[in-house]
Amino acid sequence: MKFKPSLISAAAALALGALSLPAAAVDYFFNSTAVSQFGSPTYGHVELTEVGSNVQFKVILDPEFNFLTTGNHFVFAFNGTGVSLGDIGTITDADLNTYDKTDTSVVNPPFGTFQFGISCKSNCENGGSKGGYEDPLMFTVANSVISDFLVLSTGAGSLGPAYFSADILGINPDLGSSGFTGSVGVTAAVPEPETYALMLAGLGAMGFVAKRRRKAA
């Protein structure tokens, strides 16, 4: 049986379209904290998207939390294999704060030591009394792929190491987390199901094209 060229072309376009999409936004959830008042199971997520040779970071908190800086904690901390401080681009948030970045003495208790830390530089509302600053926190890391950032911290406490960590504040007065501050961490690097769905869609489309071509031959 032969199929019309238009059908084969459409299937090929579907396959190529699935493959040409930027790597699906892979979400890694903040799933660990020493602050019992935050509840469970998650507190937000880190969304990583590959665009060309760069990785875009978007750190999103659950609605009852804001970012802040307390004690010696960093707003956000992470590791990156083969990444240098200069690869990290401009850091922004919803409140138009400005941020510093460092690769020196980055410790976010209780998750230990990380390679890179981000701290608020201006317009910051440090401590729990001023309400913190809103997500998302966003920046781009040049010359990288998502797998570069799946590196655990070292020297962690009882909760174990994390891939990412953030310092947050509970802001909803109707919840038990209100007014409490502390770090949350991503301790399990498991992508969201949507990532696998996109991969399977691309493979399925390629299989569809191959099958039709065999039958048409």
N, C-alpha and C. Protein backbone atom coordinates (compact mmCIF):
# COMPACT_ATOMS: atom_id res chain seq x y z
N MET A 1 0.84 -1.19 0.00
CA MET A 1 0.00 0.00 0.00
C MET A 1 0.88 1.24 0.00
N LYS A 2 0.50 2.18 -0.89
CA LYS A 2 1.25 3.42 -0.94
C LYS A 2 0.46 4.55 -0.30
N PHE A 3 1.16 5.42 0.36
CA PHE A 3 0.52 6.56 1.01
C PHE A 3 0.91 7.84 0.30
N LYS A 4 0.00 8.79 0.34
CA LYS A 4 0.24 10.07 -0.29
C LYS A 4 1.45 10.75 0.32
N PRO A 5 2.24 11.40 -0.53
CA PRO A 5 3.40 12.12 -0.02
C PRO A 5 3.04 13.12 1.07
N SER A 6 1.83 13.69 0.96
CA SER A 6 1.44 14.70 1.96
C SER A 6 1.34 14.09 3.34
N LEU A 7 0.88 12.81 3.43
CA LEU A 7 0.77 12.15 4.73
C LEU A 7 2.14 11.90 5.33
N ILE A 8 3.05 11.43 4.47
CA ILE A 8 4.41 11.17 4.95
C ILE A 8 5.07 12.48 5.36
N SER A 9 4.86 13.53 4.59
CA SER A 9 5.45 14.83 4.92
C SER A 9 4.93 15.35 6.24
N ALA A 10 3.63 15.16 6.48
CA ALA A 10 3.04 15.64 7.73
C ALA A 10 3.63 14.88 8.92
N ALA A 11 3.79 13.56 8.75
CA ALA A 11 4.35 12.77 9.83
C ALA A 11 5.80 13.16 10.08
N ALA A 12 6.53 13.41 9.01
CA ALA A 12 7.93 13.82 9.16
C ALA A 12 8.02 15.17 9.87
N ALA A 13 7.11 16.06 9.50
CA ALA A 13 7.11 17.38 10.16
C ALA A 13 6.82 17.24 11.64
N LEU A 14 5.90 16.33 11.99
CA LEU A 14 5.58 16.10 13.39
C LEU A 14 6.79 15.60 14.15
N ALA A 15 7.52 14.67 13.56
CA ALA A 15 8.70 14.12 14.22
C ALA A 15 9.77 15.18 14.40
N LEU A 16 10.02 15.93 13.32
CA LEU A 16 11.05 16.96 13.39
C LEU A 16 10.65 18.06 14.35
N GLY A 17 9.36 18.38 14.40
CA GLY A 17 8.89 19.40 15.31
C GLY A 17 9.11 19.00 16.75
N ALA A 18 8.85 17.74 17.07
CA ALA A 18 9.06 17.27 18.44
C ALA A 18 10.52 17.31 18.81
N LEU A 19 11.38 16.98 17.83
CA LEU A 19 12.81 16.95 18.13
C LEU A 19 13.42 18.34 18.17
N SER A 20 12.83 19.30 17.45
CA SER A 20 13.42 20.63 17.41
C SER A 20 12.99 21.52 18.56
N LEU A 21 11.99 21.08 19.34
CA LEU A 21 11.59 21.86 20.50
C LEU A 21 12.76 21.97 21.47
N PRO A 22 12.84 23.08 22.22
CA PRO A 22 13.88 23.14 23.24
C PRO A 22 13.62 22.04 24.25
N ALA A 23 14.68 21.54 24.87
CA ALA A 23 14.51 20.48 25.86
C ALA A 23 13.40 20.89 26.79
N ALA A 24 12.45 19.96 27.01
CA ALA A 24 11.29 20.28 27.84
C ALA A 24 11.74 20.88 29.15
N ALA A 25 10.94 21.79 29.66
CA ALA A 25 11.26 22.40 30.94
C ALA A 25 11.23 21.30 32.00
N VAL A 26 12.40 20.93 32.48
CA VAL A 26 12.52 19.85 33.45
C VAL A 26 12.42 20.44 34.85
N ASP A 27 11.46 19.97 35.63
CA ASP A 27 11.22 20.51 36.96
C ASP A 27 11.80 19.60 38.04
N TYR A 28 12.53 20.20 38.97
CA TYR A 28 13.06 19.49 40.13
C TYR A 28 12.50 20.14 41.38
N PHE A 29 11.79 19.36 42.21
CA PHE A 29 11.00 19.92 43.30
C PHE A 29 11.79 20.05 44.60
N PHE A 30 11.59 21.21 45.27
CA PHE A 30 12.08 21.37 46.63
C PHE A 30 11.26 20.44 47.52
N ASN A 31 11.91 19.40 48.03
CA ASN A 31 11.17 18.36 48.75
C ASN A 31 11.69 18.11 50.16
N SER A 32 12.61 18.95 50.64
CA SER A 32 13.22 18.68 51.95
C SER A 32 13.47 19.99 52.69
N THR A 33 13.23 19.97 54.00
CA THR A 33 13.50 21.13 54.85
C THR A 33 13.59 20.69 56.30
N ALA A 34 14.28 21.49 57.09
CA ALA A 34 14.35 21.24 58.53
C ALA A 34 13.27 22.03 59.27
N VAL A 35 12.50 22.84 58.55
CA VAL A 35 11.46 23.68 59.16
C VAL A 35 10.14 22.93 59.13
N SER A 36 9.77 22.31 60.22
CA SER A 36 8.57 21.46 60.25
C SER A 36 7.31 22.26 59.95
N GLN A 37 7.31 23.55 60.26
CA GLN A 37 6.12 24.37 60.02
C GLN A 37 5.82 24.56 58.54
N PHE A 38 6.79 24.30 57.68
CA PHE A 38 6.55 24.42 56.24
C PHE A 38 5.64 23.32 55.72
N GLY A 39 5.47 22.25 56.50
CA GLY A 39 4.65 21.14 56.05
C GLY A 39 5.35 20.32 54.99
N SER A 40 4.55 19.65 54.13
CA SER A 40 5.10 18.79 53.09
C SER A 40 4.02 18.58 52.03
N PRO A 41 4.34 18.04 50.85
CA PRO A 41 5.63 17.42 50.52
C PRO A 41 6.60 18.32 49.78
N THR A 42 6.10 19.42 49.12
CA THR A 42 7.01 20.26 48.33
C THR A 42 6.77 21.73 48.63
N TYR A 43 7.75 22.56 48.20
CA TYR A 43 7.73 23.99 48.53
C TYR A 43 7.97 24.86 47.29
N GLY A 44 8.04 24.26 46.16
CA GLY A 44 8.33 24.95 44.91
C GLY A 44 9.19 24.07 44.03
N HIS A 45 9.73 24.62 42.95
CA HIS A 45 10.56 23.80 42.08
C HIS A 45 11.55 24.65 41.30
N VAL A 46 12.56 23.97 40.77
CA VAL A 46 13.56 24.58 39.91
C VAL A 46 13.30 24.09 38.49
N GLU A 47 13.01 25.00 37.59
CA GLU A 47 12.71 24.67 36.20
C GLU A 47 13.95 24.95 35.35
N LEU A 48 14.48 23.91 34.71
CA LEU A 48 15.65 24.04 33.84
C LEU A 48 15.24 23.79 32.40
N THR A 49 15.65 24.69 31.51
CA THR A 49 15.31 24.55 30.09
C THR A 49 16.56 24.77 29.25
N GLU A 50 16.89 23.82 28.39
CA GLU A 50 18.02 23.99 27.47
C GLU A 50 17.56 24.79 26.26
N VAL A 51 18.27 25.88 25.97
CA VAL A 51 18.02 26.69 24.79
C VAL A 51 19.35 26.89 24.09
N GLY A 52 19.55 26.16 23.00
CA GLY A 52 20.85 26.20 22.33
C GLY A 52 21.92 25.63 23.26
N SER A 53 22.97 26.41 23.48
CA SER A 53 24.05 25.95 24.34
C SER A 53 23.93 26.51 25.76
N ASN A 54 22.76 27.03 26.11
CA ASN A 54 22.54 27.62 27.43
C ASN A 54 21.48 26.84 28.19
N VAL A 55 21.47 27.01 29.51
CA VAL A 55 20.40 26.49 30.35
C VAL A 55 19.75 27.65 31.09
N GLN A 56 18.46 27.76 30.94
CA GLN A 56 17.70 28.80 31.64
C GLN A 56 17.19 28.25 32.97
N PHE A 57 17.45 28.99 34.04
CA PHE A 57 16.96 28.65 35.38
C PHE A 57 15.73 29.51 35.67
N LYS A 58 14.71 28.88 36.23
CA LYS A 58 13.54 29.59 36.74
C LYS A 58 13.15 28.93 38.05
N VAL A 59 13.38 29.63 39.15
CA VAL A 59 13.12 29.07 40.47
C VAL A 59 11.78 29.61 40.95
N ILE A 60 10.82 28.71 41.11
CA ILE A 60 9.43 29.07 41.41
C ILE A 60 9.05 28.48 42.77
N LEU A 61 8.49 29.31 43.64
CA LEU A 61 8.06 28.86 44.95
C LEU A 61 6.55 28.62 44.96
N ASP A 62 6.09 27.77 45.88
CA ASP A 62 4.66 27.62 46.08
C ASP A 62 4.09 28.95 46.57
N PRO A 63 2.79 29.20 46.35
CA PRO A 63 2.22 30.53 46.62
C PRO A 63 2.39 31.03 48.05
N GLU A 64 2.55 30.14 49.01
CA GLU A 64 2.64 30.58 50.41
C GLU A 64 4.04 30.98 50.84
N PHE A 65 4.98 31.05 49.88
CA PHE A 65 6.36 31.38 50.22
C PHE A 65 6.91 32.51 49.37
N ASN A 66 7.87 33.25 49.95
CA ASN A 66 8.69 34.23 49.23
C ASN A 66 10.16 33.91 49.49
N PHE A 67 11.04 34.44 48.64
CA PHE A 67 12.47 34.36 48.91
C PHE A 67 12.84 35.39 49.98
N LEU A 68 13.93 35.14 50.66
CA LEU A 68 14.52 36.13 51.55
C LEU A 68 15.94 35.71 51.88
N THR A 69 16.62 36.50 52.69
CA THR A 69 17.97 36.17 53.14
C THR A 69 17.98 36.21 54.66
N THR A 70 18.36 35.12 55.28
CA THR A 70 18.48 35.07 56.74
C THR A 70 19.85 34.55 57.12
N GLY A 71 20.45 35.14 58.16
CA GLY A 71 21.73 34.65 58.63
C GLY A 71 22.75 34.57 57.52
N ASN A 72 23.42 33.43 57.44
CA ASN A 72 24.44 33.22 56.42
C ASN A 72 23.91 32.45 55.21
N HIS A 73 22.59 32.30 55.10
CA HIS A 73 22.02 31.56 53.99
C HIS A 73 22.07 32.37 52.70
N PHE A 74 22.06 31.65 51.57
CA PHE A 74 21.97 32.26 50.26
C PHE A 74 20.53 32.15 49.76
N VAL A 75 20.12 33.10 48.93
CA VAL A 75 18.79 33.03 48.35
C VAL A 75 18.65 31.74 47.55
N PHE A 76 19.69 31.39 46.78
CA PHE A 76 19.67 30.17 45.99
C PHE A 76 21.10 29.66 45.86
N ALA A 77 21.25 28.34 45.92
CA ALA A 77 22.57 27.73 45.82
C ALA A 77 22.49 26.50 44.92
N PHE A 78 23.57 26.27 44.14
CA PHE A 78 23.56 25.14 43.20
C PHE A 78 24.99 24.79 42.81
N ASN A 79 25.14 23.65 42.13
CA ASN A 79 26.42 23.20 41.60
C ASN A 79 26.36 23.16 40.08
N GLY A 80 27.53 23.18 39.44
CA GLY A 80 27.56 23.09 37.98
C GLY A 80 28.88 22.55 37.48
N THR A 81 28.85 21.36 36.92
CA THR A 81 30.06 20.75 36.37
C THR A 81 30.53 21.51 35.14
N GLY A 82 31.78 21.96 35.14
CA GLY A 82 32.32 22.68 34.01
C GLY A 82 31.81 24.10 33.88
N VAL A 83 31.11 24.59 34.89
CA VAL A 83 30.54 25.93 34.85
C VAL A 83 31.44 26.89 35.63
N SER A 84 31.62 28.09 35.10
CA SER A 84 32.38 29.12 35.80
C SER A 84 31.43 30.24 36.22
N LEU A 85 31.87 31.07 37.14
CA LEU A 85 31.03 32.15 37.65
C LEU A 85 30.62 33.10 36.52
N GLY A 86 31.53 33.31 35.56
CA GLY A 86 31.23 34.20 34.46
C GLY A 86 30.16 33.68 33.51
N ASP A 87 29.86 32.38 33.57
CA ASP A 87 28.82 31.81 32.72
C ASP A 87 27.42 32.19 33.19
N ILE A 88 27.31 32.60 34.45
CA ILE A 88 26.00 32.91 35.03
C ILE A 88 25.61 34.33 34.63
N GLY A 89 24.48 34.45 33.94
CA GLY A 89 24.05 35.75 33.46
C GLY A 89 23.34 36.58 34.50
N THR A 90 22.70 37.65 34.05
CA THR A 90 21.99 38.56 34.94
C THR A 90 20.86 37.84 35.67
N ILE A 91 20.75 38.10 36.96
CA ILE A 91 19.76 37.44 37.81
C ILE A 91 18.63 38.40 38.10
N THR A 92 17.39 37.97 37.89
CA THR A 92 16.23 38.83 38.10
C THR A 92 15.18 38.12 38.93
N ASP A 93 14.26 38.93 39.51
CA ASP A 93 13.09 38.37 40.17
C ASP A 93 11.90 39.26 39.90
N ALA A 94 10.75 38.92 40.48
CA ALA A 94 9.53 39.68 40.21
C ALA A 94 9.54 41.05 40.88
N ASP A 95 10.40 41.26 41.87
CA ASP A 95 10.44 42.52 42.61
C ASP A 95 11.51 43.49 42.10
N LEU A 96 12.19 43.14 41.03
CA LEU A 96 13.23 43.98 40.43
C LEU A 96 14.38 44.25 41.40
N ASN A 97 14.67 43.30 42.28
CA ASN A 97 15.87 43.38 43.10
C ASN A 97 17.09 43.13 42.23
N THR A 98 18.26 43.48 42.73
CA THR A 98 19.50 43.09 42.05
C THR A 98 20.23 42.08 42.92
N TYR A 99 21.06 41.25 42.27
CA TYR A 99 21.66 40.11 42.96
C TYR A 99 23.16 40.04 42.71
N ASP A 100 23.85 39.49 43.69
CA ASP A 100 25.25 39.13 43.56
C ASP A 100 25.35 37.62 43.36
N LYS A 101 26.45 37.17 42.75
CA LYS A 101 26.72 35.74 42.60
C LYS A 101 28.14 35.50 43.09
N THR A 102 28.36 34.31 43.66
CA THR A 102 29.68 34.00 44.19
C THR A 102 29.96 32.51 44.06
N ASP A 103 31.24 32.18 44.04
CA ASP A 103 31.65 30.77 44.10
C ASP A 103 32.57 30.56 45.30
N THR A 104 32.39 31.39 46.32
CA THR A 104 33.23 31.33 47.51
C THR A 104 32.38 31.09 48.76
N SER A 105 32.74 30.06 49.52
CA SER A 105 32.10 29.77 50.81
C SER A 105 30.58 29.74 50.73
N VAL A 106 30.05 28.97 49.78
CA VAL A 106 28.60 28.88 49.60
C VAL A 106 28.05 27.73 50.45
N VAL A 107 27.51 28.07 51.60
CA VAL A 107 26.96 27.07 52.51
C VAL A 107 25.51 27.44 52.80
N ASN A 108 24.59 26.50 52.59
CA ASN A 108 23.18 26.69 52.93
C ASN A 108 22.75 25.58 53.89
N PRO A 109 22.88 25.83 55.20
CA PRO A 109 22.48 24.81 56.17
C PRO A 109 21.00 24.47 56.02
N PRO A 110 20.61 23.20 56.18
CA PRO A 110 21.46 22.07 56.58
C PRO A 110 21.95 21.25 55.40
N PHE A 111 21.93 21.84 54.18
CA PHE A 111 22.24 21.05 52.99
C PHE A 111 23.70 21.11 52.58
N GLY A 112 24.52 21.79 53.37
CA GLY A 112 25.96 21.75 53.14
C GLY A 112 26.47 22.79 52.17
N THR A 113 27.57 22.44 51.50
CA THR A 113 28.31 23.38 50.67
C THR A 113 28.02 23.18 49.19
N PHE A 114 27.79 24.29 48.50
CA PHE A 114 27.53 24.29 47.07
C PHE A 114 28.63 25.04 46.34
N GLN A 115 28.65 24.92 45.03
CA GLN A 115 29.66 25.62 44.24
C GLN A 115 29.32 27.08 44.02
N PHE A 116 28.03 27.38 43.80
CA PHE A 116 27.62 28.75 43.49
C PHE A 116 26.50 29.20 44.43
N GLY A 117 26.55 30.48 44.78
CA GLY A 117 25.51 31.05 45.61
C GLY A 117 25.03 32.37 45.06
N ILE A 118 23.73 32.64 45.20
CA ILE A 118 23.12 33.89 44.76
C ILE A 118 22.57 34.60 45.99
N SER A 119 22.93 35.87 46.14
CA SER A 119 22.46 36.65 47.28
C SER A 119 21.88 37.97 46.78
N CYS A 120 20.91 38.50 47.52
CA CYS A 120 20.27 39.75 47.14
C CYS A 120 21.20 40.92 47.44
N LYS A 121 21.28 41.86 46.49
CA LYS A 121 22.21 42.98 46.61
C LYS A 121 21.52 44.29 46.96
N SER A 122 20.38 44.59 46.31
CA SER A 122 19.69 45.85 46.59
C SER A 122 18.18 45.64 46.57
N ASN A 123 17.47 46.53 47.24
CA ASN A 123 16.02 46.43 47.43
C ASN A 123 15.61 45.17 48.17
N CYS A 124 16.54 44.63 48.95
CA CYS A 124 16.30 43.35 49.61
C CYS A 124 15.47 43.54 50.89
N GLU A 125 14.65 42.58 51.17
CA GLU A 125 13.88 42.57 52.41
C GLU A 125 14.33 41.36 53.22
N ASN A 126 15.42 41.55 53.92
CA ASN A 126 16.01 40.45 54.68
C ASN A 126 15.26 40.22 55.98
N GLY A 127 15.35 39.00 56.48
CA GLY A 127 14.63 38.66 57.69
C GLY A 127 13.17 38.43 57.40
N GLY A 128 12.43 37.96 58.40
CA GLY A 128 11.04 37.56 58.17
C GLY A 128 10.02 38.65 58.34
N SER A 129 10.38 39.83 58.86
CA SER A 129 9.38 40.84 59.20
C SER A 129 8.91 41.68 58.02
N LYS A 130 9.65 41.72 56.91
CA LYS A 130 9.31 42.61 55.79
C LYS A 130 8.66 41.89 54.61
N GLY A 131 8.48 40.62 54.71
CA GLY A 131 7.73 39.91 53.67
C GLY A 131 8.52 39.24 52.58
N GLY A 132 9.84 39.45 52.55
CA GLY A 132 10.64 38.79 51.53
C GLY A 132 10.42 39.37 50.15
N TYR A 133 10.82 38.63 49.12
CA TYR A 133 10.68 39.09 47.74
C TYR A 133 10.18 37.94 46.87
N GLU A 134 9.38 38.32 45.88
CA GLU A 134 8.59 37.35 45.13
C GLU A 134 9.40 36.60 44.08
N ASP A 135 8.98 35.37 43.85
CA ASP A 135 9.48 34.56 42.75
C ASP A 135 8.78 35.01 41.46
N PRO A 136 9.25 34.54 40.30
CA PRO A 136 10.36 33.61 40.12
C PRO A 136 11.71 34.30 40.13
N LEU A 137 12.74 33.53 40.51
CA LEU A 137 14.13 33.96 40.39
C LEU A 137 14.65 33.36 39.09
N MET A 138 15.23 34.19 38.21
CA MET A 138 15.59 33.71 36.88
C MET A 138 16.99 34.15 36.47
N PHE A 139 17.68 33.26 35.78
CA PHE A 139 18.97 33.58 35.19
C PHE A 139 19.32 32.50 34.17
N THR A 140 20.34 32.77 33.37
CA THR A 140 20.78 31.82 32.35
C THR A 140 22.25 31.49 32.57
N VAL A 141 22.60 30.22 32.37
CA VAL A 141 23.99 29.78 32.47
C VAL A 141 24.45 29.38 31.08
N ALA A 142 25.48 30.05 30.58
CA ALA A 142 25.98 29.80 29.23
C ALA A 142 26.83 28.53 29.18
N ASN A 143 26.94 27.97 27.98
CA ASN A 143 27.83 26.83 27.70
C ASN A 143 27.56 25.66 28.64
N SER A 144 26.30 25.26 28.72
CA SER A 144 25.95 24.20 29.67
C SER A 144 24.77 23.39 29.16
N VAL A 145 24.57 22.23 29.79
CA VAL A 145 23.39 21.40 29.56
C VAL A 145 22.81 21.04 30.92
N ILE A 146 21.59 20.56 30.94
CA ILE A 146 20.90 20.32 32.21
C ILE A 146 21.67 19.37 33.12
N SER A 147 22.25 18.33 32.54
CA SER A 147 22.94 17.34 33.38
C SER A 147 24.13 17.92 34.14
N ASP A 148 24.66 19.07 33.69
CA ASP A 148 25.77 19.71 34.40
C ASP A 148 25.40 20.10 35.82
N PHE A 149 24.10 20.29 36.08
CA PHE A 149 23.68 20.82 37.36
C PHE A 149 23.16 19.76 38.32
N LEU A 150 23.21 18.51 37.91
CA LEU A 150 22.73 17.43 38.77
C LEU A 150 23.88 16.90 39.61
N VAL A 151 24.42 17.78 40.43
CA VAL A 151 25.56 17.48 41.31
C VAL A 151 25.15 17.82 42.73
N LEU A 152 25.36 16.89 43.65
CA LEU A 152 24.94 17.08 45.04
C LEU A 152 25.92 17.95 45.82
N SER A 153 25.39 18.64 46.81
CA SER A 153 26.22 19.42 47.73
C SER A 153 27.06 18.48 48.59
N THR A 154 28.02 19.03 49.30
CA THR A 154 28.90 18.24 50.17
C THR A 154 28.78 18.74 51.62
N GLY A 155 29.16 17.89 52.55
CA GLY A 155 29.18 18.28 53.95
C GLY A 155 27.80 18.59 54.51
N ALA A 156 26.78 17.89 54.03
CA ALA A 156 25.41 18.16 54.46
C ALA A 156 25.15 17.64 55.87
N GLY A 157 24.09 18.15 56.48
CA GLY A 157 23.67 17.71 57.80
C GLY A 157 22.77 16.49 57.73
N SER A 158 21.88 16.36 58.69
CA SER A 158 21.07 15.15 58.84
C SER A 158 20.09 14.93 57.69
N LEU A 159 19.72 15.98 56.97
CA LEU A 159 18.79 15.81 55.85
C LEU A 159 19.47 15.30 54.59
N GLY A 160 20.79 15.29 54.60
CA GLY A 160 21.53 14.83 53.44
C GLY A 160 21.77 15.94 52.44
N PRO A 161 22.54 15.65 51.38
CA PRO A 161 22.91 16.66 50.38
C PRO A 161 21.73 17.00 49.47
N ALA A 162 21.88 18.11 48.75
CA ALA A 162 20.84 18.56 47.82
C ALA A 162 21.47 19.02 46.51
N TYR A 163 20.68 18.98 45.45
CA TYR A 163 21.12 19.50 44.16
C TYR A 163 20.95 21.02 44.10
N PHE A 164 19.88 21.51 44.72
CA PHE A 164 19.60 22.94 44.76
C PHE A 164 19.06 23.28 46.15
N SER A 165 19.25 24.52 46.56
CA SER A 165 18.72 24.96 47.85
C SER A 165 18.29 26.42 47.75
N ALA A 166 17.24 26.78 48.49
CA ALA A 166 16.76 28.17 48.51
C ALA A 166 16.38 28.55 49.93
N ASP A 167 16.45 29.84 50.22
CA ASP A 167 16.07 30.38 51.52
C ASP A 167 14.70 31.03 51.37
N ILE A 168 13.72 30.61 52.17
CA ILE A 168 12.35 31.06 51.96
C ILE A 168 11.67 31.49 53.26
N LEU A 169 10.52 32.15 53.08
CA LEU A 169 9.72 32.68 54.17
C LEU A 169 8.26 32.33 53.93
N GLY A 170 7.57 31.84 54.98
CA GLY A 170 6.13 31.61 54.88
C GLY A 170 5.39 32.93 54.98
N ILE A 171 4.49 33.22 54.03
CA ILE A 171 3.85 34.54 53.98
C ILE A 171 2.33 34.49 54.10
N ASN A 172 1.72 33.31 54.07
CA ASN A 172 0.26 33.22 54.15
C ASN A 172 -0.18 33.19 55.61
N PRO A 173 -0.86 34.25 56.10
CA PRO A 173 -1.21 34.31 57.52
C PRO A 173 -2.19 33.24 57.96
N ASP A 174 -2.83 32.58 57.00
CA ASP A 174 -3.80 31.54 57.34
C ASP A 174 -3.17 30.16 57.47
N LEU A 175 -1.85 30.07 57.25
CA LEU A 175 -1.18 28.77 57.31
C LEU A 175 -0.16 28.74 58.44
N GLY A 176 0.15 27.55 58.90
CA GLY A 176 1.10 27.38 60.00
C GLY A 176 2.52 27.75 59.63
N SER A 177 2.81 27.88 58.32
CA SER A 177 4.15 28.25 57.87
C SER A 177 4.41 29.75 57.97
N SER A 178 3.37 30.54 58.21
CA SER A 178 3.48 31.99 58.19
C SER A 178 4.52 32.51 59.19
N GLY A 179 5.46 33.32 58.68
CA GLY A 179 6.46 33.93 59.53
C GLY A 179 7.69 33.10 59.78
N PHE A 180 7.66 31.84 59.41
CA PHE A 180 8.82 30.96 59.61
C PHE A 180 9.76 31.07 58.41
N THR A 181 11.05 30.94 58.68
CA THR A 181 12.06 31.05 57.63
C THR A 181 13.01 29.86 57.68
N GLY A 182 13.65 29.58 56.55
CA GLY A 182 14.64 28.51 56.50
C GLY A 182 14.89 28.04 55.09
N SER A 183 15.83 27.10 54.97
CA SER A 183 16.20 26.59 53.65
C SER A 183 15.37 25.38 53.27
N VAL A 184 15.13 25.27 51.97
CA VAL A 184 14.52 24.07 51.39
C VAL A 184 15.49 23.53 50.35
N GLY A 185 15.45 22.23 50.11
CA GLY A 185 16.38 21.62 49.18
C GLY A 185 15.73 20.65 48.23
N VAL A 186 16.36 20.48 47.07
CA VAL A 186 15.97 19.45 46.10
C VAL A 186 16.92 18.28 46.31
N THR A 187 16.42 17.20 46.89
CA THR A 187 17.29 16.07 47.21
C THR A 187 17.08 14.89 46.28
N ALA A 188 16.11 14.98 45.37
CA ALA A 188 15.85 13.90 44.41
C ALA A 188 15.76 14.50 43.02
N ALA A 189 16.67 14.13 42.13
CA ALA A 189 16.70 14.68 40.77
C ALA A 189 15.85 13.81 39.86
N VAL A 190 14.53 13.92 39.99
CA VAL A 190 13.59 13.14 39.20
C VAL A 190 12.78 14.09 38.34
N PRO A 191 12.94 14.03 37.00
CA PRO A 191 12.20 14.95 36.13
C PRO A 191 10.69 14.74 36.22
N GLU A 192 9.94 15.77 35.86
CA GLU A 192 8.49 15.70 35.79
C GLU A 192 8.05 14.74 34.69
N PRO A 193 6.87 14.10 34.83
CA PRO A 193 6.37 13.20 33.78
C PRO A 193 6.27 13.85 32.41
N GLU A 194 6.01 15.18 32.35
CA GLU A 194 5.87 15.84 31.05
C GLU A 194 7.14 15.73 30.22
N THR A 195 8.29 15.65 30.88
CA THR A 195 9.54 15.53 30.16
C THR A 195 9.58 14.22 29.39
N TYR A 196 9.20 13.14 30.07
CA TYR A 196 9.18 11.84 29.41
C TYR A 196 8.12 11.81 28.31
N ALA A 197 7.00 12.47 28.52
CA ALA A 197 5.93 12.47 27.52
C ALA A 197 6.42 13.11 26.23
N LEU A 198 7.16 14.21 26.33
CA LEU A 198 7.69 14.86 25.13
C LEU A 198 8.68 13.96 24.41
N MET A 199 9.54 13.30 25.15
CA MET A 199 10.52 12.40 24.54
C MET A 199 9.80 11.27 23.81
N LEU A 200 8.78 10.68 24.45
CA LEU A 200 8.06 9.57 23.84
C LEU A 200 7.29 10.03 22.60
N ALA A 201 6.77 11.26 22.64
CA ALA A 201 6.05 11.79 21.48
C ALA A 201 6.98 11.90 20.28
N GLY A 202 8.21 12.37 20.52
CA GLY A 202 9.17 12.49 19.43
C GLY A 202 9.55 11.14 18.86
N LEU A 203 9.80 10.17 19.76
CA LEU A 203 10.15 8.82 19.29
C LEU A 203 8.99 8.17 18.56
N GLY A 204 7.77 8.38 19.07
CA GLY A 204 6.59 7.81 18.42
C GLY A 204 6.38 8.37 17.04
N ALA A 205 6.59 9.66 16.88
CA ALA A 205 6.43 10.29 15.56
C ALA A 205 7.46 9.75 14.59
N MET A 206 8.69 9.54 15.04
CA MET A 206 9.72 8.99 14.16
C MET A 206 9.36 7.57 13.74
N GLY A 207 8.82 6.79 14.70
CA GLY A 207 8.41 5.43 14.37
C GLY A 207 7.28 5.41 13.37
N PHE A 208 6.36 6.35 13.50
CA PHE A 208 5.24 6.45 12.57
C PHE A 208 5.74 6.69 11.15
N VAL A 209 6.67 7.60 10.98
CA VAL A 209 7.24 7.91 9.68
C VAL A 209 7.94 6.69 9.09
N ALA A 210 8.75 6.02 9.92
CA ALA A 210 9.50 4.85 9.44
C ALA A 210 8.56 3.75 8.97
N LYS A 211 7.48 3.53 9.75
CA LYS A 211 6.53 2.47 9.41
C LYS A 211 5.85 2.76 8.08
N ARG A 212 5.42 4.00 7.89
CA ARG A 212 4.73 4.37 6.66
C ARG A 212 5.64 4.24 5.45
N ARG A 213 6.92 4.58 5.65
CA ARG A 213 7.88 4.48 4.53
C ARG A 213 8.09 3.03 4.15
N ARG A 214 8.15 2.11 5.15
CA ARG A 214 8.33 0.69 4.83
C ARG A 214 7.15 0.15 4.04
N LYS A 215 5.94 0.56 4.45
CA LYS A 215 4.74 0.07 3.77
C LYS A 215 4.61 0.64 2.36
N ALA A 216 5.10 1.87 2.18
CA ALA A 216 4.99 2.52 0.88
C ALA A 216 6.02 1.98 -0.10
N ALA A 217 7.08 1.36 0.42
CA ALA A 217 8.14 0.89 -0.46
C ALA A 217 7.69 -0.29 -1.34
